[in-house]
Amino acid sequence: MHNYVTVLSVGSAESKLELWSWPQYLEQQKAVAAPARHFQETQRVPTIKNSFRQGMKLEGIDPQHSSMYFVLTVAEVCGFRLRLHFDGYSDCHDFWVSASCPDIHPAGWCESTGHKLYTPKGCKEEEFSWSNYLKITRSQAAPKELFCNCGFELGMKLEAVDRMNPSLICVATVTDKVDNRFLVHFDNWDDTYDYWCDAHSPYIHPIGWCQERGLPLTPPQGNSLFISTLLVFAQRPSHSFQVQMKLEAVDKRCPGLIRVATVQEIDTYRIKIHFDGWSHLYDEWMDSDHPDIHPAGWCESTGHPLKPPPCQTGGFLSLRKCPTPGCDGSGHVTGLFLQYCIQYCNISMVQLCVCVCVSDMISEGMYSSLFMTAFTANSDRTLSLCWEQHCKLLPGVAGIHAGQVSTWTIEEVFGFVNNLIGCEEQARIFKDEMIDGEAFLLLTQNDIVKIMNIKLGPALKIHNAILMLKSTDEGLKEREKSRKYQ
């Protein structure tokens, strides 16, 4: 279990390779690695080879909208992981999955199973065919043999935990089924809250579960048609992880990277991950069976690079390309070492979406439910409605396009926010955080409220301005229409 790490010598621009190994690190830290038996089969070292190749095309679920299937291309192969690209869209939407991920399928799967396939931008849905598309793009479909059944049926009702707000248990419906996994949809909610799971998930329960335990159940408006029986559910046993155990975990802020990590806290079905050498601000709770955590040595066994704890030598600190402490530039918005401004770093405070603790989850869930659902399911229509409702309140937006904003300097962003009625005080924060036009367009409501500590009223006004600026740009508008991204 060895990994080579580039370390810069103090006072010298020359670099040398130093050997990093799990045994040496564990001995140095006086720690133990989480035993392989604590991990699920999908988290352990795979017994099959990753035979996907760059350029292969397939179909898969949009990780941001679990009920939508898109045409995808394998953009990169790294060990047992794949970086997938949405055909016809910017590579900023690319995402990483395991080669054994159950959310990807061979070309033609949607047609054979009756699922709607969202075609690449520019392709008419009614005219799309895989045979023609592969011929036009001169590409190859991923062979069916590269892709890896349950008691739940479509239409069944159940009681399920809202993963975005774990304090709520709501009436839900099984709306899709693939092999032994099914899609949980909350009745009368949009698909932002949908998630895939199997019968062993601790977040789903049969009808009557809340009543038996005296817990509140959030009901929908409507009547249930089918009921999932107790016999269908198979409760997952609690995990065996212990605090301070070491493992390897995907950094969700730079999902192309896997880092050395430690179990910081434990819950019945979850563990809190701390990335060694990094601030606890980056800690995150993950399900114990999440496919993005692996035993020590997984990266070496699968041929995937492992990012050891950041080097803190003087030479590294003086010569690193990114001002964020510990960051070597890996995973930046446009690639390795291409950006030097802190706002472009995925792990800087400007870009960091801090995972709130359990005590904050109730307010966070209410915040998401109240203020974010309007811009998900039908963003083209709601963005237009947003323009009609708010353009008089935000006169500074008129006539400005996202293409212009992306070239703004820090001073120009400051001037724009300062001209929004009631946002004069908040403008100074944008200047202090060195937010330029490109970074401004990337901000979400959560960034503005949680990270920049701006009150909800001004934050909503600023975020609505960003949405309207983006809606005037035809390219961004079309992408949001099809991808349903904010």
Foldseek 3Di string as FASTA:
>chain_A
DKAWDWDDDPPDPDIDTDIDDPVVVCVVVVFAADDQVLADPLFEQDPDAQPDDFQAWWKFAQPQFRQAIEIWTFHDDFQQKTWIDGAQDDSLSIDMDGLADQGIAWPPPCVVVVGQYQYHPPDDRVPDDPVVVCVVVVTHHDDRVSYDAADDDFQAWWWFAQPLFRLAIEIWTFHADDHQKTKTGGPPADRSRIDIDGLQDPGIGWPCPCVVVVHDYHYDPDDRDHTDDPVRHDHHFFTDDDFFHWWWFAQVLQRLAIEIWTFHADDRFWTWIDGPQDDCQSIDIDGSHDNGIHTPPSCVSRRHHYDYHADDDPRCCVPAQEPPPRDNQDRFSVGRSPDHQNLRRSPHLLNDLGDDDNVCSNVSVVCCRPQPRLQFPANLVSLVVLCVVCCVQQVLLPPAALVVLLPFFLVVQLVSQCPRPPRVVVSVLSSVSRQGSNSLLVDDLSSVCVRSVDDNVSSSVSRSSSSNNQSVDVVSSVCCRSVRDD
